[in-house]
Protein backbone atom coordinates (compact mmCIF):
# COMPACT_ATOMS: atom_id res chain seq x y z
CA UNK A 1 0.00 0.00 0.00
CA UNK A 2 1.12 3.52 -0.74
CA UNK A 3 0.71 6.45 1.67
CA UNK A 4 1.13 10.15 0.95
CA UNK A 5 2.09 12.23 4.00
CA UNK A 6 1.71 16.00 3.71
CA UNK A 7 3.13 18.33 6.36
CA UNK A 8 5.36 21.40 6.45
CA UNK A 9 7.04 20.21 9.66
CA UNK A 10 10.08 17.99 9.01
CA UNK A 11 9.80 16.23 12.38
CA UNK A 12 6.19 15.25 11.70
CA UNK A 13 7.12 13.95 8.25
CA UNK A 14 9.92 11.83 9.72
CA UNK A 15 7.75 10.41 12.50
CA UNK A 16 4.87 9.50 10.20
CA UNK A 17 7.21 8.09 7.55
CA UNK A 18 9.01 5.76 9.95
CA UNK A 19 5.75 4.68 11.60
CA UNK A 20 4.02 3.90 8.31
CA UNK A 21 7.05 2.18 6.80
CA UNK A 22 7.27 -0.11 9.83
CA UNK A 23 3.65 -1.05 9.12
CA UNK A 24 4.56 -2.00 5.55
CA UNK A 25 3.55 1.15 3.65
CA UNK A 26 5.49 2.69 0.80
CA UNK A 27 5.62 6.34 1.89
CA UNK A 28 5.79 9.45 -0.29
CA UNK A 29 6.30 12.85 1.35
CA UNK A 30 5.13 16.35 0.44
CA UNK A 31 5.63 19.62 2.30
CA UNK A 32 2.49 21.38 1.08
CA UNK A 33 -0.73 20.81 -0.81
CA UNK A 34 0.78 21.75 -4.15
CA UNK A 35 3.52 19.12 -3.80
CA UNK A 36 0.90 16.60 -2.65
CA UNK A 37 -1.18 17.12 -5.79
CA UNK A 38 1.92 16.63 -7.91
CA UNK A 39 2.82 13.39 -6.08
CA UNK A 40 -0.76 12.08 -6.24
CA UNK A 41 -0.95 12.76 -9.97
CA UNK A 42 2.12 10.56 -10.52
CA UNK A 43 0.62 7.63 -8.64
CA UNK A 44 -2.62 7.71 -6.68
CA UNK A 45 -1.99 6.81 -3.01
CA UNK A 46 -4.11 4.40 -0.99
CA UNK A 47 -3.90 6.70 2.04
CA UNK A 48 -3.34 10.44 2.51
CA UNK A 49 -2.41 11.96 5.87
CA UNK A 50 -2.29 15.74 5.78
CA UNK A 51 -1.64 18.60 8.15
CA UNK A 52 -4.35 21.27 8.00
CA UNK A 53 -2.38 24.53 8.04
CA UNK A 54 0.54 24.60 5.61
CA UNK A 55 2.24 27.14 3.40
CA UNK A 56 1.62 27.36 -0.38
CA UNK A 57 -1.61 25.29 -0.29
CA UNK A 58 -3.34 24.21 2.91
CA UNK A 59 -5.33 21.04 3.52
CA UNK A 60 -8.68 22.65 2.73
CA UNK A 61 -7.47 23.78 -0.69
CA UNK A 62 -5.87 20.36 -1.26
CA UNK A 63 -9.12 18.54 -0.51
CA UNK A 64 -11.04 20.90 -2.79
CA UNK A 65 -8.70 20.02 -5.66
PDB file of N, CA and C in Angstrom:
ATOM      1  N   UNK A   1       0.845  -1.186   0.000  1.00  0.00           N
ATOM      2  CA  UNK A   1       0.000   0.000   0.000  1.00  0.00           C
ATOM      3  C   UNK A   1       0.881   1.236   0.000  1.00  0.00           C
ATOM      4  N   UNK A   2       0.358   2.286  -0.601  1.00  0.00           N
ATOM      5  CA  UNK A   2       1.119   3.525  -0.744  1.00  0.00           C
ATOM      6  C   UNK A   2       0.440   4.638   0.050  1.00  0.00           C
ATOM      7  N   UNK A   3       1.227   5.344   0.865  1.00  0.00           N
ATOM      8  CA  UNK A   3       0.712   6.446   1.675  1.00  0.00           C
ATOM      9  C   UNK A   3       1.397   7.747   1.276  1.00  0.00           C
ATOM     10  N   UNK A   4       0.621   8.807   1.193  1.00  0.00           N
ATOM     11  CA  UNK A   4       1.134  10.149   0.947  1.00  0.00           C
ATOM     12  C   UNK A   4       0.985  10.935   2.237  1.00  0.00           C
ATOM     13  N   UNK A   5       2.098  11.444   2.759  1.00  0.00           N
ATOM     14  CA  UNK A   5       2.093  12.227   3.998  1.00  0.00           C
ATOM     15  C   UNK A   5       2.425  13.668   3.638  1.00  0.00           C
ATOM     16  N   UNK A   6       1.562  14.593   4.067  1.00  0.00           N
ATOM     17  CA  UNK A   6       1.705  16.002   3.713  1.00  0.00           C
ATOM     18  C   UNK A   6       1.800  16.824   4.994  1.00  0.00           C
ATOM     19  N   UNK A   7       2.933  17.492   5.169  1.00  0.00           N
ATOM     20  CA  UNK A   7       3.132  18.328   6.359  1.00  0.00           C
ATOM     21  C   UNK A   7       4.304  19.251   6.091  1.00  0.00           C
ATOM     22  N   UNK A   8       4.245  20.469   6.625  1.00  0.00           N
ATOM     23  CA  UNK A   8       5.357  21.400   6.452  1.00  0.00           C
ATOM     24  C   UNK A   8       6.345  21.335   7.617  1.00  0.00           C
ATOM     25  N   UNK A   9       6.134  20.402   8.523  1.00  0.00           N
ATOM     26  CA  UNK A   9       7.038  20.209   9.659  1.00  0.00           C
ATOM     27  C   UNK A   9       7.867  18.939   9.418  1.00  0.00           C
ATOM     28  N   UNK A  10       9.185  19.115   9.317  1.00  0.00           N
ATOM     29  CA  UNK A  10      10.082  17.993   9.010  1.00  0.00           C
ATOM     30  C   UNK A  10      10.007  16.876  10.052  1.00  0.00           C
ATOM     31  N   UNK A  11       9.874  17.237  11.318  1.00  0.00           N
ATOM     32  CA  UNK A  11       9.798  16.226  12.377  1.00  0.00           C
ATOM     33  C   UNK A  11       8.536  15.369  12.234  1.00  0.00           C
ATOM     34  N   UNK A  12       7.429  15.998  11.905  1.00  0.00           N
ATOM     35  CA  UNK A  12       6.187  15.247  11.697  1.00  0.00           C
ATOM     36  C   UNK A  12       6.308  14.312  10.507  1.00  0.00           C
ATOM     37  N   UNK A  13       6.922  14.795   9.426  1.00  0.00           N
ATOM     38  CA  UNK A  13       7.122  13.952   8.248  1.00  0.00           C
ATOM     39  C   UNK A  13       7.960  12.724   8.605  1.00  0.00           C
ATOM     40  N   UNK A  14       9.035  12.936   9.336  1.00  0.00           N
ATOM     41  CA  UNK A  14       9.917  11.830   9.715  1.00  0.00           C
ATOM     42  C   UNK A  14       9.179  10.813  10.593  1.00  0.00           C
ATOM     43  N   UNK A  15       8.467  11.294  11.584  1.00  0.00           N
ATOM     44  CA  UNK A  15       7.751  10.408  12.502  1.00  0.00           C
ATOM     45  C   UNK A  15       6.701   9.571  11.764  1.00  0.00           C
ATOM     46  N   UNK A  16       5.901  10.219  10.938  1.00  0.00           N
ATOM     47  CA  UNK A  16       4.871   9.496  10.200  1.00  0.00           C
ATOM     48  C   UNK A  16       5.477   8.540   9.181  1.00  0.00           C
ATOM     49  N   UNK A  17       6.551   8.949   8.534  1.00  0.00           N
ATOM     50  CA  UNK A  17       7.213   8.094   7.548  1.00  0.00           C
ATOM     51  C   UNK A  17       7.728   6.815   8.201  1.00  0.00           C
ATOM     52  N   UNK A  18       8.445   6.943   9.308  1.00  0.00           N
ATOM     53  CA  UNK A  18       9.009   5.761   9.954  1.00  0.00           C
ATOM     54  C   UNK A  18       7.906   4.857  10.520  1.00  0.00           C
ATOM     55  N   UNK A  19       6.860   5.467  11.054  1.00  0.00           N
ATOM     56  CA  UNK A  19       5.750   4.676  11.598  1.00  0.00           C
ATOM     57  C   UNK A  19       5.037   3.892  10.499  1.00  0.00           C
ATOM     58  N   UNK A  20       4.739   4.558   9.400  1.00  0.00           N
ATOM     59  CA  UNK A  20       4.023   3.896   8.310  1.00  0.00           C
ATOM     60  C   UNK A  20       4.886   2.851   7.604  1.00  0.00           C
ATOM     61  N   UNK A  21       6.168   3.151   7.436  1.00  0.00           N
ATOM     62  CA  UNK A  21       7.054   2.175   6.802  1.00  0.00           C
ATOM     63  C   UNK A  21       7.176   0.914   7.650  1.00  0.00           C
ATOM     64  N   UNK A  22       7.195   1.072   8.961  1.00  0.00           N
ATOM     65  CA  UNK A  22       7.272  -0.109   9.830  1.00  0.00           C
ATOM     66  C   UNK A  22       5.997  -0.950   9.754  1.00  0.00           C
ATOM     67  N   UNK A  23       4.905  -0.328   9.295  1.00  0.00           N
ATOM     68  CA  UNK A  23       3.646  -1.051   9.118  1.00  0.00           C
ATOM     69  C   UNK A  23       3.510  -1.603   7.694  1.00  0.00           C
ATOM     70  N   UNK A  24       4.550  -1.421   6.879  1.00  0.00           N
ATOM     71  CA  UNK A  24       4.558  -2.002   5.546  1.00  0.00           C
ATOM     72  C   UNK A  24       4.147  -1.080   4.412  1.00  0.00           C
ATOM     73  N   UNK A  25       3.940   0.200   4.693  1.00  0.00           N
ATOM     74  CA  UNK A  25       3.553   1.148   3.653  1.00  0.00           C
ATOM     75  C   UNK A  25       4.767   1.641   2.866  1.00  0.00           C
ATOM     76  N   UNK A  26       4.551   1.891   1.596  1.00  0.00           N
ATOM     77  CA  UNK A  26       5.491   2.685   0.801  1.00  0.00           C
ATOM     78  C   UNK A  26       5.069   4.124   1.052  1.00  0.00           C
ATOM     79  N   UNK A  27       5.987   4.991   1.479  1.00  0.00           N
ATOM     80  CA  UNK A  27       5.617   6.343   1.889  1.00  0.00           C
ATOM     81  C   UNK A  27       6.221   7.381   0.948  1.00  0.00           C
ATOM     82  N   UNK A  28       5.372   8.311   0.517  1.00  0.00           N
ATOM     83  CA  UNK A  28       5.785   9.447  -0.293  1.00  0.00           C
ATOM     84  C   UNK A  28       5.493  10.693   0.533  1.00  0.00           C
ATOM     85  N   UNK A  29       6.435  11.647   0.521  1.00  0.00           N
ATOM     86  CA  UNK A  29       6.297  12.847   1.347  1.00  0.00           C
ATOM     87  C   UNK A  29       6.070  14.086   0.493  1.00  0.00           C
ATOM     88  N   UNK A  30       5.328  15.040   1.049  1.00  0.00           N
ATOM     89  CA  UNK A  30       5.133  16.350   0.437  1.00  0.00           C
ATOM     90  C   UNK A  30       5.077  17.385   1.551  1.00  0.00           C
ATOM     91  N   UNK A  31       5.594  18.589   1.267  1.00  0.00           N
ATOM     92  CA  UNK A  31       5.630  19.623   2.299  1.00  0.00           C
ATOM     93  C   UNK A  31       4.503  20.637   2.206  1.00  0.00           C
ATOM     94  N   UNK A  32       3.654  20.510   1.196  1.00  0.00           N
ATOM     95  CA  UNK A  32       2.486  21.382   1.081  1.00  0.00           C
ATOM     96  C   UNK A  32       1.485  20.750   0.117  1.00  0.00           C
ATOM     97  N   UNK A  33       0.319  21.357   0.027  1.00  0.00           N
ATOM     98  CA  UNK A  33      -0.726  20.806  -0.811  1.00  0.00           C
ATOM     99  C   UNK A  33      -0.371  20.741  -2.280  1.00  0.00           C
ATOM    100  N   UNK A  34       0.373  21.727  -2.741  1.00  0.00           N
ATOM    101  CA  UNK A  34       0.781  21.747  -4.149  1.00  0.00           C
ATOM    102  C   UNK A  34       1.674  20.549  -4.476  1.00  0.00           C
ATOM    103  N   UNK A  35       2.644  20.286  -3.617  1.00  0.00           N
ATOM    104  CA  UNK A  35       3.516  19.119  -3.798  1.00  0.00           C
ATOM    105  C   UNK A  35       2.709  17.820  -3.705  1.00  0.00           C
ATOM    106  N   UNK A  36       1.728  17.795  -2.815  1.00  0.00           N
ATOM    107  CA  UNK A  36       0.900  16.601  -2.650  1.00  0.00           C
ATOM    108  C   UNK A  36       0.113  16.296  -3.916  1.00  0.00           C
ATOM    109  N   UNK A  37      -0.448  17.321  -4.540  1.00  0.00           N
ATOM    110  CA  UNK A  37      -1.183  17.117  -5.788  1.00  0.00           C
ATOM    111  C   UNK A  37      -0.261  16.568  -6.877  1.00  0.00           C
ATOM    112  N   UNK A  38       0.945  17.099  -6.929  1.00  0.00           N
ATOM    113  CA  UNK A  38       1.924  16.628  -7.912  1.00  0.00           C
ATOM    114  C   UNK A  38       2.257  15.151  -7.678  1.00  0.00           C
ATOM    115  N   UNK A  39       2.503  14.784  -6.415  1.00  0.00           N
ATOM    116  CA  UNK A  39       2.823  13.392  -6.079  1.00  0.00           C
ATOM    117  C   UNK A  39       1.642  12.467  -6.368  1.00  0.00           C
ATOM    118  N   UNK A  40       0.431  12.904  -6.025  1.00  0.00           N
ATOM    119  CA  UNK A  40      -0.756  12.082  -6.237  1.00  0.00           C
ATOM    120  C   UNK A  40      -1.049  11.890  -7.720  1.00  0.00           C
ATOM    121  N   UNK A  41      -0.702  12.886  -8.536  1.00  0.00           N
ATOM    122  CA  UNK A  41      -0.946  12.760  -9.971  1.00  0.00           C
ATOM    123  C   UNK A  41      -0.001  11.748 -10.619  1.00  0.00           C
ATOM    124  N   UNK A  42       1.162  11.552 -10.014  1.00  0.00           N
ATOM    125  CA  UNK A  42       2.125  10.564 -10.524  1.00  0.00           C
ATOM    126  C   UNK A  42       1.646   9.144 -10.248  1.00  0.00           C
ATOM    127  N   UNK A  43       1.118   8.949  -9.052  1.00  0.00           N
ATOM    128  CA  UNK A  43       0.617   7.633  -8.644  1.00  0.00           C
ATOM    129  C   UNK A  43      -0.340   7.835  -7.477  1.00  0.00           C
ATOM    130  N   UNK A  44      -1.588   7.484  -7.687  1.00  0.00           N
ATOM    131  CA  UNK A  44      -2.624   7.707  -6.683  1.00  0.00           C
ATOM    132  C   UNK A  44      -2.347   6.885  -5.424  1.00  0.00           C
ATOM    133  N   UNK A  45      -2.245   7.545  -4.254  1.00  0.00           N
ATOM    134  CA  UNK A  45      -1.986   6.810  -3.015  1.00  0.00           C
ATOM    135  C   UNK A  45      -3.238   6.109  -2.490  1.00  0.00           C
ATOM    136  N   UNK A  46      -3.007   5.092  -1.662  1.00  0.00           N
ATOM    137  CA  UNK A  46      -4.107   4.399  -0.992  1.00  0.00           C
ATOM    138  C   UNK A  46      -4.556   5.157   0.250  1.00  0.00           C
ATOM    139  N   UNK A  47      -3.658   5.977   0.796  1.00  0.00           N
ATOM    140  CA  UNK A  47      -3.904   6.696   2.041  1.00  0.00           C
ATOM    141  C   UNK A  47      -3.240   8.058   1.959  1.00  0.00           C
ATOM    142  N   UNK A  48      -3.931   9.102   2.414  1.00  0.00           N
ATOM    143  CA  UNK A  48      -3.336  10.439   2.510  1.00  0.00           C
ATOM    144  C   UNK A  48      -3.503  10.923   3.936  1.00  0.00           C
ATOM    145  N   UNK A  49      -2.395  11.335   4.538  1.00  0.00           N
ATOM    146  CA  UNK A  49      -2.413  11.956   5.867  1.00  0.00           C
ATOM    147  C   UNK A  49      -1.881  13.365   5.670  1.00  0.00           C
ATOM    148  N   UNK A  50      -2.676  14.358   6.060  1.00  0.00           N
ATOM    149  CA  UNK A  50      -2.294  15.738   5.779  1.00  0.00           C
ATOM    150  C   UNK A  50      -2.498  16.644   6.983  1.00  0.00           C
ATOM    151  N   UNK A  51      -1.525  17.503   7.190  1.00  0.00           N
ATOM    152  CA  UNK A  51      -1.639  18.597   8.149  1.00  0.00           C
ATOM    153  C   UNK A  51      -2.707  19.546   7.608  1.00  0.00           C
ATOM    154  N   UNK A  52      -3.310  20.343   8.461  1.00  0.00           N
ATOM    155  CA  UNK A  52      -4.346  21.272   7.999  1.00  0.00           C
ATOM    156  C   UNK A  52      -3.736  22.592   7.537  1.00  0.00           C
ATOM    157  N   UNK A  53      -2.933  23.222   8.377  1.00  0.00           N
ATOM    158  CA  UNK A  53      -2.377  24.534   8.045  1.00  0.00           C
ATOM    159  C   UNK A  53      -0.951  24.396   7.528  1.00  0.00           C
ATOM    160  N   UNK A  54      -0.777  24.682   6.243  1.00  0.00           N
ATOM    161  CA  UNK A  54       0.538  24.605   5.609  1.00  0.00           C
ATOM    162  C   UNK A  54       0.721  25.816   4.711  1.00  0.00           C
ATOM    163  N   UNK A  55       1.953  26.066   4.341  1.00  0.00           N
ATOM    164  CA  UNK A  55       2.239  27.137   3.396  1.00  0.00           C
ATOM    165  C   UNK A  55       1.902  26.674   1.981  1.00  0.00           C
ATOM    166  N   UNK A  56       1.880  27.569   1.052  1.00  0.00           N
ATOM    167  CA  UNK A  56       1.625  27.363  -0.377  1.00  0.00           C
ATOM    168  C   UNK A  56       0.187  26.918  -0.634  1.00  0.00           C
ATOM    169  N   UNK A  57      -0.224  25.757  -0.144  1.00  0.00           N
ATOM    170  CA  UNK A  57      -1.608  25.289  -0.294  1.00  0.00           C
ATOM    171  C   UNK A  57      -1.958  24.485   0.950  1.00  0.00           C
ATOM    172  N   UNK A  58      -2.982  24.920   1.689  1.00  0.00           N
ATOM    173  CA  UNK A  58      -3.337  24.206   2.912  1.00  0.00           C
ATOM    174  C   UNK A  58      -4.208  22.986   2.619  1.00  0.00           C
ATOM    175  N   UNK A  59      -4.568  22.269   3.658  1.00  0.00           N
ATOM    176  CA  UNK A  59      -5.331  21.036   3.523  1.00  0.00           C
ATOM    177  C   UNK A  59      -6.710  21.271   2.912  1.00  0.00           C
ATOM    178  N   UNK A  60      -7.357  22.365   3.255  1.00  0.00           N
ATOM    179  CA  UNK A  60      -8.681  22.646   2.733  1.00  0.00           C
ATOM    180  C   UNK A  60      -8.639  22.845   1.217  1.00  0.00           C
ATOM    181  N   UNK A  61      -7.630  23.571   0.746  1.00  0.00           N
ATOM    182  CA  UNK A  61      -7.465  23.776  -0.692  1.00  0.00           C
ATOM    183  C   UNK A  61      -7.098  22.455  -1.376  1.00  0.00           C
ATOM    184  N   UNK A  62      -6.261  21.663  -0.719  1.00  0.00           N
ATOM    185  CA  UNK A  62      -5.866  20.363  -1.264  1.00  0.00           C
ATOM    186  C   UNK A  62      -7.088  19.468  -1.443  1.00  0.00           C
ATOM    187  N   UNK A  63      -7.916  19.388  -0.424  1.00  0.00           N
ATOM    188  CA  UNK A  63      -9.121  18.544  -0.509  1.00  0.00           C
ATOM    189  C   UNK A  63     -10.083  19.042  -1.579  1.00  0.00           C
ATOM    190  N   UNK A  64     -10.161  20.341  -1.763  1.00  0.00           N
ATOM    191  CA  UNK A  64     -11.041  20.905  -2.793  1.00  0.00           C
ATOM    192  C   UNK A  64     -10.576  20.531  -4.191  1.00  0.00           C
ATOM    193  N   UNK A  65      -9.267  20.393  -4.356  1.00  0.00           N
ATOM    194  CA  UNK A  65      -8.703  20.015  -5.661  1.00  0.00           C
ATOM    195  C   UNK A  65      -8.962  18.558  -5.931  1.00  0.00           C
TER     196      UNK A  65
END
